[in-house]
PDB file of N, CA and C in Angstrom:
ATOM      1  N   UNK A   1      87.590  89.472  71.792  1.00  0.00           N
ATOM      2  CA  UNK A   1      87.916  91.072  70.155  1.00  0.00           C
ATOM      3  C   UNK A   1      88.745  91.626  69.743  1.00  0.00           C
ATOM      4  N   UNK A   2      88.258  92.138  68.432  1.00  0.00           N
ATOM      5  CA  UNK A   2      89.663  92.351  68.076  1.00  0.00           C
ATOM      6  C   UNK A   2      90.271  94.174  68.325  1.00  0.00           C
ATOM      7  N   UNK A   3      91.681  94.516  68.327  1.00  0.00           N
ATOM      8  CA  UNK A   3      92.174  95.285  68.744  1.00  0.00           C
ATOM      9  C   UNK A   3      91.190  96.973  68.424  1.00  0.00           C
ATOM     10  N   UNK A   4      90.631  96.960  67.371  1.00  0.00           N
ATOM     11  CA  UNK A   4      90.177  97.621  66.802  1.00  0.00           C
ATOM     12  C   UNK A   4      89.478  98.293  67.502  1.00  0.00           C
ATOM     13  N   UNK A   5      88.652  97.281  67.805  1.00  0.00           N
ATOM     14  CA  UNK A   5      87.746  97.343  68.676  1.00  0.00           C
ATOM     15  C   UNK A   5      87.549  97.779  70.036  1.00  0.00           C
ATOM     16  N   UNK A   6      88.849  97.142  70.403  1.00  0.00           N
ATOM     17  CA  UNK A   6      88.593  97.562  71.646  1.00  0.00           C
ATOM     18  C   UNK A   6      89.187  98.979  72.061  1.00  0.00           C
ATOM     19  N   UNK A   7      89.659  98.911  71.288  1.00  0.00           N
ATOM     20  CA  UNK A   7      89.854 101.088  71.350  1.00  0.00           C
ATOM     21  C   UNK A   7      89.198 101.355  70.710  1.00  0.00           C
ATOM     22  N   UNK A   8      87.824 101.057  70.141  1.00  0.00           N
ATOM     23  CA  UNK A   8      86.711 102.668  70.069  1.00  0.00           C
ATOM     24  C   UNK A   8      85.656 102.291  71.557  1.00  0.00           C
ATOM     25  N   UNK A   9      86.211 100.337  72.787  1.00  0.00           N
ATOM     26  CA  UNK A   9      85.058 100.629  74.071  1.00  0.00           C
ATOM     27  C   UNK A   9      85.600 101.399  74.706  1.00  0.00           C
ATOM     28  N   UNK A  10      87.052 101.470  74.419  1.00  0.00           N
ATOM     29  CA  UNK A  10      87.834 102.096  75.664  1.00  0.00           C
ATOM     30  C   UNK A  10      87.436 103.622  75.502  1.00  0.00           C
ATOM     31  N   UNK A  11      87.054 104.817  74.030  1.00  0.00           N
ATOM     32  CA  UNK A  11      87.173 105.987  73.433  1.00  0.00           C
ATOM     33  C   UNK A  11      86.068 106.543  74.435  1.00  0.00           C
ATOM     34  N   UNK A  12      84.710 105.473  73.722  1.00  0.00           N
ATOM     35  CA  UNK A  12      83.892 105.222  74.032  1.00  0.00           C
ATOM     36  C   UNK A  12      83.697 105.090  75.896  1.00  0.00           C
ATOM     37  N   UNK A  13      83.636 104.497  76.702  1.00  0.00           N
ATOM     38  CA  UNK A  13      83.674 104.235  78.352  1.00  0.00           C
ATOM     39  C   UNK A  13      84.073 105.779  78.182  1.00  0.00           C
ATOM     40  N   UNK A  14      85.879 106.282  78.386  1.00  0.00           N
ATOM     41  CA  UNK A  14      86.451 107.493  78.116  1.00  0.00           C
ATOM     42  C   UNK A  14      85.300 108.978  78.204  1.00  0.00           C
ATOM     43  N   UNK A  15      84.985 108.576  76.590  1.00  0.00           N
ATOM     44  CA  UNK A  15      83.914 109.947  76.493  1.00  0.00           C
ATOM     45  C   UNK A  15      82.705 110.035  77.361  1.00  0.00           C
ATOM     46  N   UNK A  16      82.158 108.946  77.490  1.00  0.00           N
ATOM     47  CA  UNK A  16      80.901 108.192  78.680  1.00  0.00           C
ATOM     48  C   UNK A  16      81.742 109.527  80.153  1.00  0.00           C
ATOM     49  N   UNK A  17      82.785 108.836  80.700  1.00  0.00           N
ATOM     50  CA  UNK A  17      82.660 109.082  82.204  1.00  0.00           C
ATOM     51  C   UNK A  17      83.806 110.769  82.244  1.00  0.00           C
ATOM     52  N   UNK A  18      84.820 111.473  80.996  1.00  0.00           N
ATOM     53  CA  UNK A  18      85.048 112.456  81.624  1.00  0.00           C
ATOM     54  C   UNK A  18      84.352 113.348  81.695  1.00  0.00           C
ATOM     55  N   UNK A  19      83.005 112.903  81.608  1.00  0.00           N
ATOM     56  CA  UNK A  19      82.194 114.469  82.420  1.00  0.00           C
ATOM     57  C   UNK A  19      82.576 115.271  83.815  1.00  0.00           C
ATOM     58  N   UNK A  20      83.176 113.551  84.568  1.00  0.00           N
ATOM     59  CA  UNK A  20      82.971 113.818  85.521  1.00  0.00           C
ATOM     60  C   UNK A  20      83.725 113.536  86.936  1.00  0.00           C
ATOM     61  N   UNK A  21      84.760 113.322  85.620  1.00  0.00           N
ATOM     62  CA  UNK A  21      86.028 112.847  86.217  1.00  0.00           C
ATOM     63  C   UNK A  21      87.282 112.326  84.538  1.00  0.00           C
ATOM     64  N   UNK A  22      88.598 113.503  84.239  1.00  0.00           N
ATOM     65  CA  UNK A  22      89.353 112.924  82.858  1.00  0.00           C
ATOM     66  C   UNK A  22      90.784 112.216  82.744  1.00  0.00           C
ATOM     67  N   UNK A  23      90.696 111.676  84.298  1.00  0.00           N
ATOM     68  CA  UNK A  23      92.311 111.234  84.646  1.00  0.00           C
ATOM     69  C   UNK A  23      91.643 109.548  85.713  1.00  0.00           C
ATOM     70  N   UNK A  24      92.336 108.657  84.681  1.00  0.00           N
ATOM     71  CA  UNK A  24      91.633 106.925  85.128  1.00  0.00           C
ATOM     72  C   UNK A  24      93.281 106.671  85.205  1.00  0.00           C
ATOM     73  N   UNK A  25      93.108 105.291  86.129  1.00  0.00           N
ATOM     74  CA  UNK A  25      94.436 103.965  86.614  1.00  0.00           C
ATOM     75  C   UNK A  25      93.970 103.394  85.856  1.00  0.00           C
ATOM     76  N   UNK A  26      95.060 102.951  85.051  1.00  0.00           N
ATOM     77  CA  UNK A  26      95.274 101.039  84.319  1.00  0.00           C
ATOM     78  C   UNK A  26      94.168 100.528  84.549  1.00  0.00           C
ATOM     79  N   UNK A  27      94.284  99.837  86.363  1.00  0.00           N
ATOM     80  CA  UNK A  27      92.982  99.255  86.671  1.00  0.00           C
ATOM     81  C   UNK A  27      91.310  98.962  86.324  1.00  0.00           C
ATOM     82  N   UNK A  28      91.179 100.777  85.694  1.00  0.00           N
ATOM     83  CA  UNK A  28      90.414 101.363  85.521  1.00  0.00           C
ATOM     84  C   UNK A  28      89.751 101.005  84.559  1.00  0.00           C
ATOM     85  N   UNK A  29      90.624 100.862  83.154  1.00  0.00           N
ATOM     86  CA  UNK A  29      91.308 100.402  81.645  1.00  0.00           C
ATOM     87  C   UNK A  29      90.498  98.902  81.849  1.00  0.00           C
ATOM     88  N   UNK A  30      91.168  98.248  81.766  1.00  0.00           N
ATOM     89  CA  UNK A  30      90.390  96.302  82.882  1.00  0.00           C
ATOM     90  C   UNK A  30      88.941  95.768  83.293  1.00  0.00           C
ATOM     91  N   UNK A  31      88.620  96.897  83.240  1.00  0.00           N
ATOM     92  CA  UNK A  31      87.003  96.789  83.317  1.00  0.00           C
ATOM     93  C   UNK A  31      86.400  97.106  82.415  1.00  0.00           C
ATOM     94  N   UNK A  32      86.911  97.771  81.055  1.00  0.00           N
ATOM     95  CA  UNK A  32      85.972  98.306  79.789  1.00  0.00           C
ATOM     96  C   UNK A  32      86.625  97.136  78.856  1.00  0.00           C
ATOM     97  N   UNK A  33      87.122  96.350  80.188  1.00  0.00           N
ATOM     98  CA  UNK A  33      87.464  95.082  79.230  1.00  0.00           C
ATOM     99  C   UNK A  33      87.678  93.992  80.433  1.00  0.00           C
ATOM    100  N   UNK A  34      86.404  93.531  80.041  1.00  0.00           N
ATOM    101  CA  UNK A  34      86.823  92.231  81.176  1.00  0.00           C
ATOM    102  C   UNK A  34      87.456  91.566  80.677  1.00  0.00           C
ATOM    103  N   UNK A  35      87.028  90.498  79.616  1.00  0.00           N
ATOM    104  CA  UNK A  35      87.321  90.040  78.984  1.00  0.00           C
ATOM    105  C   UNK A  35      89.169  89.102  78.592  1.00  0.00           C
ATOM    106  N   UNK A  36      89.573  90.442  78.543  1.00  0.00           N
ATOM    107  CA  UNK A  36      91.021  90.149  77.956  1.00  0.00           C
ATOM    108  C   UNK A  36      92.097  90.508  78.937  1.00  0.00           C
ATOM    109  N   UNK A  37      92.828  89.571  79.327  1.00  0.00           N
ATOM    110  CA  UNK A  37      94.558  89.850  80.216  1.00  0.00           C
ATOM    111  C   UNK A  37      94.698  91.552  80.575  1.00  0.00           C
ATOM    112  N   UNK A  38      95.094  91.526  82.379  1.00  0.00           N
ATOM    113  CA  UNK A  38      95.597  92.928  82.050  1.00  0.00           C
ATOM    114  C   UNK A  38      97.186  93.381  81.275  1.00  0.00           C
ATOM    115  N   UNK A  39      97.108  92.148  80.708  1.00  0.00           N
ATOM    116  CA  UNK A  39      98.629  92.861  80.023  1.00  0.00           C
ATOM    117  C   UNK A  39      98.212  92.801  78.118  1.00  0.00           C
ATOM    118  N   UNK A  40      97.256  92.487  77.859  1.00  0.00           N
ATOM    119  CA  UNK A  40      96.109  92.623  77.280  1.00  0.00           C
ATOM    120  C   UNK A  40      95.433  94.260  76.697  1.00  0.00           C
ATOM    121  N   UNK A  41      95.639  94.704  77.841  1.00  0.00           N
ATOM    122  CA  UNK A  41      94.650  95.639  77.718  1.00  0.00           C
ATOM    123  C   UNK A  41      95.260  97.091  78.251  1.00  0.00           C
ATOM    124  N   UNK A  42      97.288  96.507  78.968  1.00  0.00           N
ATOM    125  CA  UNK A  42      98.080  97.385  78.764  1.00  0.00           C
ATOM    126  C   UNK A  42      98.387  98.129  77.835  1.00  0.00           C
ATOM    127  N   UNK A  43      99.173  96.459  76.764  1.00  0.00           N
ATOM    128  CA  UNK A  43      99.239  96.896  75.562  1.00  0.00           C
ATOM    129  C   UNK A  43      98.460  97.568  74.779  1.00  0.00           C
ATOM    130  N   UNK A  44      96.808  97.576  75.200  1.00  0.00           N
ATOM    131  CA  UNK A  44      96.154  98.820  74.292  1.00  0.00           C
ATOM    132  C   UNK A  44      96.288  99.936  74.270  1.00  0.00           C
ATOM    133  N   UNK A  45      96.461  99.622  75.697  1.00  0.00           N
ATOM    134  CA  UNK A  45      96.449 101.617  76.476  1.00  0.00           C
ATOM    135  C   UNK A  45      97.986 101.593  75.342  1.00  0.00           C
ATOM    136  N   UNK A  46      98.840 101.636  75.876  1.00  0.00           N
ATOM    137  CA  UNK A  46      99.682 102.055  75.095  1.00  0.00           C
ATOM    138  C   UNK A  46     100.015 102.454  73.925  1.00  0.00           C
ATOM    139  N   UNK A  47      99.530 101.397  73.468  1.00  0.00           N
ATOM    140  CA  UNK A  47      98.833 101.892  71.793  1.00  0.00           C
ATOM    141  C   UNK A  47      98.283 102.992  71.232  1.00  0.00           C
ATOM    142  N   UNK A  48      97.287 103.306  72.705  1.00  0.00           N
ATOM    143  CA  UNK A  48      96.470 103.748  72.396  1.00  0.00           C
ATOM    144  C   UNK A  48      97.473 105.269  72.660  1.00  0.00           C
ATOM    145  N   UNK A  49      98.392 105.864  73.280  1.00  0.00           N
ATOM    146  CA  UNK A  49      99.473 106.227  73.969  1.00  0.00           C
ATOM    147  C   UNK A  49      99.102 106.982  72.499  1.00  0.00           C
ATOM    148  N   UNK A  50     100.072 105.573  72.371  1.00  0.00           N
ATOM    149  CA  UNK A  50     101.860 105.994  70.593  1.00  0.00           C
ATOM    150  C   UNK A  50     101.075 106.161  69.752  1.00  0.00           C
ATOM    151  N   UNK A  51      99.364 106.316  69.575  1.00  0.00           N
ATOM    152  CA  UNK A  51      99.209 107.215  68.486  1.00  0.00           C
ATOM    153  C   UNK A  51      98.174 108.081  69.217  1.00  0.00           C
ATOM    154  N   UNK A  52      98.467 108.591  70.315  1.00  0.00           N
ATOM    155  CA  UNK A  52      97.978 109.870  70.306  1.00  0.00           C
ATOM    156  C   UNK A  52      96.762 110.213  70.657  1.00  0.00           C
ATOM    157  N   UNK A  53      95.685 109.427  70.938  1.00  0.00           N
ATOM    158  CA  UNK A  53      94.333 109.250  71.415  1.00  0.00           C
ATOM    159  C   UNK A  53      94.462 109.032  73.657  1.00  0.00           C
ATOM    160  N   UNK A  54      95.565 108.635  73.978  1.00  0.00           N
ATOM    161  CA  UNK A  54      95.604 109.030  75.338  1.00  0.00           C
ATOM    162  C   UNK A  54      96.721 109.273  75.304  1.00  0.00           C
ATOM    163  N   UNK A  55      96.647 109.909  76.897  1.00  0.00           N
ATOM    164  CA  UNK A  55      98.664 110.332  77.404  1.00  0.00           C
ATOM    165  C   UNK A  55      98.134 110.787  78.786  1.00  0.00           C
ATOM    166  N   UNK A  56      99.372 109.860  79.516  1.00  0.00           N
ATOM    167  CA  UNK A  56      99.929 109.822  80.857  1.00  0.00           C
ATOM    168  C   UNK A  56      99.592 111.158  80.887  1.00  0.00           C
ATOM    169  N   UNK A  57      99.722 111.088  82.340  1.00  0.00           N
ATOM    170  CA  UNK A  57      99.130 111.990  83.782  1.00  0.00           C
ATOM    171  C   UNK A  57     100.419 111.541  84.669  1.00  0.00           C
ATOM    172  N   UNK A  58     102.045 112.162  85.380  1.00  0.00           N
ATOM    173  CA  UNK A  58     101.878 111.644  86.356  1.00  0.00           C
ATOM    174  C   UNK A  58     101.642 112.667  87.600  1.00  0.00           C
ATOM    175  N   UNK A  59     101.423 112.671  88.669  1.00  0.00           N
ATOM    176  CA  UNK A  59     101.578 113.521  89.759  1.00  0.00           C
ATOM    177  C   UNK A  59     103.293 112.957  90.987  1.00  0.00           C
ATOM    178  N   UNK A  60     104.166 112.113  90.045  1.00  0.00           N
ATOM    179  CA  UNK A  60     105.373 112.073  91.243  1.00  0.00           C
ATOM    180  C   UNK A  60     105.096 110.718  90.951  1.00  0.00           C
ATOM    181  N   UNK A  61     103.946 110.648  92.169  1.00  0.00           N
ATOM    182  CA  UNK A  61     103.905 109.442  93.085  1.00  0.00           C
ATOM    183  C   UNK A  61     102.926 108.150  91.982  1.00  0.00           C
ATOM    184  N   UNK A  62     101.685 108.902  91.352  1.00  0.00           N
ATOM    185  CA  UNK A  62     100.642 108.492  90.292  1.00  0.00           C
ATOM    186  C   UNK A  62     100.848 108.035  89.447  1.00  0.00           C
ATOM    187  N   UNK A  63     100.513 107.492  88.193  1.00  0.00           N
ATOM    188  CA  UNK A  63     100.761 107.833  86.818  1.00  0.00           C
ATOM    189  C   UNK A  63      99.104 107.323  86.163  1.00  0.00           C
ATOM    190  N   UNK A  64      99.365 108.058  86.142  1.00  0.00           N
ATOM    191  CA  UNK A  64      97.114 108.635  85.497  1.00  0.00           C
ATOM    192  C   UNK A  64      96.681 108.409  83.231  1.00  0.00           C
ATOM    193  N   UNK A  65      95.607 107.511  83.027  1.00  0.00           N
ATOM    194  CA  UNK A  65      95.642 107.995  81.506  1.00  0.00           C
ATOM    195  C   UNK A  65      94.275 108.732  81.946  1.00  0.00           C
ATOM    196  N   UNK A  66      94.155 109.438  80.829  1.00  0.00           N
ATOM    197  CA  UNK A  66      93.006 109.932  80.196  1.00  0.00           C
ATOM    198  C   UNK A  66      93.163 110.363  78.541  1.00  0.00           C
ATOM    199  N   UNK A  67      92.089 111.052  77.808  1.00  0.00           N
ATOM    200  CA  UNK A  67      92.247 111.458  76.622  1.00  0.00           C
ATOM    201  C   UNK A  67      92.885 112.471  76.456  1.00  0.00           C
ATOM    202  N   UNK A  68      93.464 112.010  75.379  1.00  0.00           N
ATOM    203  CA  UNK A  68      94.862 113.888  75.240  1.00  0.00           C
ATOM    204  C   UNK A  68      93.424 114.574  74.927  1.00  0.00           C
ATOM    205  N   UNK A  69      94.154 116.151  76.315  1.00  0.00           N
ATOM    206  CA  UNK A  69      93.929 116.969  76.212  1.00  0.00           C
ATOM    207  C   UNK A  69      92.418 117.537  76.310  1.00  0.00           C
ATOM    208  N   UNK A  70      92.499 116.070  77.671  1.00  0.00           N
ATOM    209  CA  UNK A  70      91.905 116.714  78.070  1.00  0.00           C
ATOM    210  C   UNK A  70      91.425 117.225  79.664  1.00  0.00           C
ATOM    211  N   UNK A  71      90.238 117.933  80.617  1.00  0.00           N
ATOM    212  CA  UNK A  71      90.504 117.472  81.717  1.00  0.00           C
ATOM    213  C   UNK A  71      91.734 119.420  82.412  1.00  0.00           C
ATOM    214  N   UNK A  72      91.530 119.795  83.362  1.00  0.00           N
ATOM    215  CA  UNK A  72      92.121 120.526  84.041  1.00  0.00           C
ATOM    216  C   UNK A  72      93.273 121.015  83.345  1.00  0.00           C
ATOM    217  N   UNK A  73      94.252 119.653  84.250  1.00  0.00           N
ATOM    218  CA  UNK A  73      95.639 119.866  83.196  1.00  0.00           C
ATOM    219  C   UNK A  73      95.686 120.650  82.047  1.00  0.00           C
ATOM    220  N   UNK A  74      95.002 120.110  81.100  1.00  0.00           N
ATOM    221  CA  UNK A  74      95.007 120.106  80.043  1.00  0.00           C
ATOM    222  C   UNK A  74      94.341 121.725  80.155  1.00  0.00           C
ATOM    223  N   UNK A  75      93.680 121.487  80.603  1.00  0.00           N
ATOM    224  CA  UNK A  75      93.470 123.128  79.994  1.00  0.00           C
ATOM    225  C   UNK A  75      94.561 124.599  81.198  1.00  0.00           C
ATOM    226  N   UNK A  76      94.860 123.925  81.709  1.00  0.00           N
ATOM    227  CA  UNK A  76      96.263 125.132  82.461  1.00  0.00           C
ATOM    228  C   UNK A  76      97.629 125.909  80.987  1.00  0.00           C
ATOM    229  N   UNK A  77      97.569 123.707  80.351  1.00  0.00           N
ATOM    230  CA  UNK A  77      99.150 123.964  79.792  1.00  0.00           C
ATOM    231  C   UNK A  77      98.788 124.430  78.633  1.00  0.00           C
ATOM    232  N   UNK A  78      97.738 124.579  77.841  1.00  0.00           N
ATOM    233  CA  UNK A  78      96.662 125.393  76.675  1.00  0.00           C
ATOM    234  C   UNK A  78      97.153 126.731  77.350  1.00  0.00           C
ATOM    235  N   UNK A  79      96.747 127.588  78.650  1.00  0.00           N
ATOM    236  CA  UNK A  79      96.557 128.692  78.638  1.00  0.00           C
ATOM    237  C   UNK A  79      98.559 129.444  78.566  1.00  0.00           C
ATOM    238  N   UNK A  80      99.334 128.062  79.086  1.00  0.00           N
ATOM    239  CA  UNK A  80     100.782 128.725  79.254  1.00  0.00           C
ATOM    240  C   UNK A  80     101.679 129.236  77.552  1.00  0.00           C
TER     241      UNK A  80
END
């Protein structure tokens, strides 16, 4: 699978799942692309963050990843 297809698949999976959950652990992305190595998935996710498709969110002890501008945290930041 090429990188463009992988990015599209990740975005589609996140769109489906954001109705119930907006942030995911990196290990959750491994399930979206089971044929890819964890390192390859991490590199794809990092590219998507750099492109502004995904964003990192940190609670201080945990880092999660979600679609940019989605979830309760994003809504609270928009109000400021």
